[in-house]
Protein backbone atom coordinates (compact mmCIF):
# COMPACT_ATOMS: atom_id res chain seq x y z
CA UNK A 1 201.19 -60.75 -18.12
CA UNK A 2 198.46 -62.88 -16.48
CA UNK A 3 197.12 -62.34 -13.28
CA UNK A 4 196.70 -65.13 -10.82
CA UNK A 5 193.45 -65.26 -10.14
CA UNK A 6 194.26 -64.82 -6.35
CA UNK A 7 194.81 -61.35 -7.35
CA UNK A 8 192.00 -60.44 -9.29
CA UNK A 9 189.60 -61.91 -6.73
CA UNK A 10 192.08 -59.88 -4.32
CA UNK A 11 191.40 -56.55 -6.16
CA UNK A 12 187.62 -57.19 -6.61
CA UNK A 13 187.03 -57.60 -2.91
CA UNK A 14 189.29 -54.18 -1.94
CA UNK A 15 187.19 -52.36 -4.55
CA UNK A 16 183.79 -53.85 -2.61
CA UNK A 17 184.50 -53.09 -0.33
CA UNK A 18 185.61 -49.14 -0.50
CA UNK A 19 182.67 -49.00 -2.31
CA UNK A 20 180.41 -49.86 0.10
CA UNK A 21 182.42 -47.42 2.47
CA UNK A 22 181.33 -44.29 -0.28
CA UNK A 23 178.34 -45.34 0.52
CA UNK A 24 178.09 -45.55 3.71
CA UNK A 25 179.95 -42.39 4.03
CA UNK A 26 177.75 -40.45 1.63
CA UNK A 27 174.83 -41.85 3.59
CA UNK A 28 176.11 -40.67 7.36
CA UNK A 29 177.89 -37.81 5.72
CA UNK A 30 176.41 -36.35 2.52
CA UNK A 31 178.62 -36.34 -0.74
CA UNK A 32 179.89 -32.95 -0.17
CA UNK A 33 181.39 -34.07 3.59
CA UNK A 34 182.38 -37.37 1.72
CA UNK A 35 186.60 -37.04 0.71
CA UNK A 36 189.00 -39.77 0.58
CA UNK A 37 190.03 -39.58 3.48
CA UNK A 38 186.37 -39.88 5.09
CA UNK A 39 186.18 -42.79 2.61
CA UNK A 40 189.55 -44.29 4.22
CA UNK A 41 188.43 -43.87 7.15
CA UNK A 42 185.03 -46.03 6.87
CA UNK A 43 186.45 -48.86 4.77
CA UNK A 44 189.50 -49.20 7.82
CA UNK A 45 192.20 -48.17 4.83
CA UNK A 46 195.94 -46.96 6.09
CA UNK A 47 195.56 -44.32 4.11
CA UNK A 48 194.01 -42.76 0.89
CA UNK A 49 196.34 -43.89 -1.58
CA UNK A 50 194.39 -47.53 -1.49
CA UNK A 51 191.49 -45.68 -3.04
CA UNK A 52 193.52 -44.28 -6.00
CA UNK A 53 194.70 -47.09 -6.63
CA UNK A 54 192.10 -49.00 -7.52
CA UNK A 55 190.17 -45.94 -8.64
CA UNK A 56 190.67 -43.51 -11.55
CA UNK A 57 190.13 -40.72 -9.12
CA UNK A 58 186.34 -39.47 -8.09
CA UNK A 59 184.27 -39.86 -10.81
CA UNK A 60 185.40 -42.88 -11.27
CA UNK A 61 184.73 -44.01 -7.69
CA UNK A 62 181.11 -42.49 -7.70
CA UNK A 63 180.31 -44.18 -10.99
CA UNK A 64 181.23 -48.00 -9.89
CA UNK A 65 178.80 -46.66 -6.26
CA UNK A 66 175.63 -46.05 -8.70
CA UNK A 67 176.55 -49.13 -10.97
CA UNK A 68 176.59 -51.28 -7.51
CA UNK A 69 173.78 -49.87 -5.96
CA UNK A 70 171.82 -49.91 -9.20
CA UNK A 71 172.45 -53.91 -10.51
CA UNK A 72 171.33 -54.58 -7.06
CA UNK A 73 167.95 -53.23 -7.65
CA UNK A 74 167.72 -54.32 -10.77
CA UNK A 75 169.13 -58.06 -9.65
CA UNK A 76 165.98 -57.64 -6.89
CA UNK A 77 163.56 -56.31 -9.35
CA UNK A 78 164.69 -58.78 -12.19
CA UNK A 79 163.99 -62.26 -10.07
CA UNK A 80 160.91 -61.42 -8.71
CA UNK A 81 158.75 -59.56 -11.77
CA UNK A 82 160.50 -62.06 -14.45
CA UNK A 83 158.76 -64.51 -12.46
CA UNK A 84 155.35 -63.43 -12.89
CA UNK A 85 153.16 -65.12 -16.66
CA UNK A 86 150.46 -62.06 -16.61
CA UNK A 87 151.24 -58.16 -17.52
CA UNK A 88 149.13 -57.32 -14.47
CA UNK A 89 150.77 -59.40 -12.04
CA UNK A 90 154.39 -58.15 -12.96
CA UNK A 91 153.42 -55.08 -13.17
CA UNK A 92 151.88 -55.51 -9.30
CA UNK A 93 155.29 -56.61 -8.41
CA UNK A 94 157.41 -53.72 -10.30
CA UNK A 95 155.73 -51.52 -7.55
CA UNK A 96 155.40 -53.64 -4.29
CA UNK A 97 158.94 -54.64 -4.81
CA UNK A 98 160.69 -51.27 -6.03
CA UNK A 99 159.24 -50.22 -2.95
CA UNK A 100 160.37 -52.98 -0.88
CA UNK A 101 163.91 -52.81 -1.83
CA UNK A 102 163.99 -48.78 -0.99
CA UNK A 103 162.18 -50.02 2.24
CA UNK A 104 164.73 -52.32 3.20
CA UNK A 105 167.62 -49.87 1.81
CA UNK A 106 167.31 -46.88 3.25
CA UNK A 107 171.24 -46.20 3.32
CA UNK A 108 171.51 -47.27 -0.39
CA UNK A 109 168.68 -45.62 -1.02
CA UNK A 110 170.32 -41.94 1.13
CA UNK A 111 173.47 -42.45 -0.76
CA UNK A 112 172.26 -43.10 -4.35
CA UNK A 113 169.54 -39.90 -3.83
CA UNK A 114 172.50 -37.11 -2.37
CA UNK A 115 174.62 -38.54 -5.47
CA UNK A 116 171.60 -37.62 -7.69
CA UNK A 117 171.21 -34.53 -5.82
CA UNK A 118 174.55 -33.49 -6.46
CA UNK A 119 177.46 -35.33 -8.65
CA UNK A 120 179.03 -32.68 -10.78
CA UNK A 121 181.38 -35.06 -13.22
CA UNK A 122 184.04 -33.96 -14.60
CA UNK A 123 183.30 -35.50 -18.17
CA UNK A 124 180.00 -37.70 -18.75
CA UNK A 125 176.49 -37.11 -17.80
CA UNK A 126 174.92 -36.13 -14.12
CA UNK A 127 172.63 -38.67 -12.44
CA UNK A 128 169.97 -36.57 -13.20
CA UNK A 129 170.42 -36.46 -17.12
CA UNK A 130 170.58 -40.17 -16.83
CA UNK A 131 167.56 -39.67 -14.93
CA UNK A 132 165.23 -38.10 -18.14
CA UNK A 133 167.13 -40.29 -20.48
CA UNK A 134 164.07 -41.65 -22.30
CA UNK A 135 165.57 -45.12 -21.84
CA UNK A 136 165.99 -44.80 -18.45
CA UNK A 137 161.93 -46.02 -18.85
CA UNK A 138 162.08 -48.91 -21.67
CA UNK A 139 161.79 -51.69 -19.01
CA UNK A 140 158.48 -50.31 -18.30
CA UNK A 141 157.26 -49.24 -21.22
CA UNK A 142 157.94 -52.96 -23.05
CA UNK A 143 155.75 -54.12 -19.88
CA UNK A 144 152.58 -52.30 -20.46
CA UNK A 145 153.15 -52.99 -24.49
CA UNK A 146 152.52 -56.69 -23.15
CA UNK A 147 149.55 -55.63 -21.63
CA UNK A 148 148.23 -54.12 -24.41
CA UNK A 149 149.34 -56.50 -26.58
CA UNK A 150 147.78 -59.86 -24.62
CA UNK A 151 144.36 -57.50 -23.85
CA UNK A 152 144.70 -56.63 -20.39
CA UNK A 153 145.33 -53.47 -20.58
CA UNK A 154 143.97 -50.57 -21.96
CA UNK A 155 145.13 -48.48 -24.84
CA UNK A 156 147.21 -46.12 -23.64
CA UNK A 157 150.19 -43.67 -24.14
CA UNK A 158 153.05 -45.88 -22.55
CA UNK A 159 155.59 -43.30 -22.87
CA UNK A 160 153.44 -41.14 -20.19
CA UNK A 161 151.48 -44.19 -18.30
CA UNK A 162 155.63 -45.28 -17.99
CA UNK A 163 156.60 -41.72 -16.92
CA UNK A 164 154.04 -41.27 -14.11
CA UNK A 165 155.07 -45.03 -12.70
CA UNK A 166 158.52 -44.52 -12.88
CA UNK A 167 158.17 -41.23 -11.27
CA UNK A 168 155.64 -41.89 -8.50
CA UNK A 169 158.44 -44.49 -7.26
CA UNK A 170 161.47 -42.52 -7.81
CA UNK A 171 159.98 -39.98 -5.53
CA UNK A 172 159.60 -42.44 -2.17
CA UNK A 173 163.58 -41.66 -1.18
CA UNK A 174 162.84 -37.98 -1.30
CA UNK A 175 159.52 -38.60 0.53
CA UNK A 176 161.50 -40.82 3.99
CA UNK A 177 163.52 -38.26 3.73
CA UNK A 178 161.31 -36.11 4.93
CA UNK A 179 159.10 -38.50 6.71
CA UNK A 180 161.08 -41.46 7.92
CA UNK A 181 158.13 -43.47 9.56
CA UNK A 182 155.47 -43.62 6.65
CA UNK A 183 153.51 -46.91 6.41
CA UNK A 184 155.39 -47.77 3.17
CA UNK A 185 152.29 -50.77 3.14
CA UNK A 186 149.28 -48.23 2.65
CA UNK A 187 152.17 -46.16 -0.20
CA UNK A 188 152.69 -49.69 -2.39
CA UNK A 189 148.56 -50.65 -1.94
CA UNK A 190 148.07 -47.32 -2.70
CA UNK A 191 149.99 -47.05 -6.28
CA UNK A 192 149.59 -50.86 -6.84
CA UNK A 193 145.43 -49.49 -6.85
CA UNK A 194 146.10 -46.14 -8.86
CA UNK A 195 148.35 -47.76 -11.81
CA UNK A 196 145.15 -50.95 -11.76
CA UNK A 197 142.95 -48.61 -12.29
CA UNK A 198 145.16 -46.89 -15.10
CA UNK A 199 145.99 -49.93 -17.00
CA UNK A 200 143.26 -52.55 -17.09
CA UNK A 201 140.91 -52.58 -19.62
CA UNK A 202 137.64 -52.72 -19.56
CA UNK A 203 135.04 -55.03 -19.99
């Protein structure tokens, strides 16, 4: 049976509405309190059956929620980092842009942190297991390799430095939970200077 275009658009919109409500619910109440009933209430749905109709259980919903957050991060970062013409500028922009995203999307990052700490899927990998997958560092390793090949960066182990960069950024949402008023301009400039000193070749 052919799906009408308007049906597909309506379905996508409803799924997006439920995902947005899931983010809000987890950010407000925490992962364990984010039941289908509370998500439906946030979304203004008349019944939890509408969630079950669009998602194949909680694993599917949480997976789509995290995918939505990280797709948004990826798009935000790619536009800014991809516009740079040198590896040094790209690395500085990577750090600056990710901190900017975290600063301006605190509810999304709070929800992602809650999922990271508490989500246990019935099958598949946990968020923690995904985070320690070496593949998660490949984009930074490629950037660092580009810098070494161009001569702008010194020789170093790209895996170690990529891990240090990413984990320094991954820790920011946790810092903001304990210190919401942290000066992120200072945080940004200190990290950029730290990794400039760590990566740049000396003449």
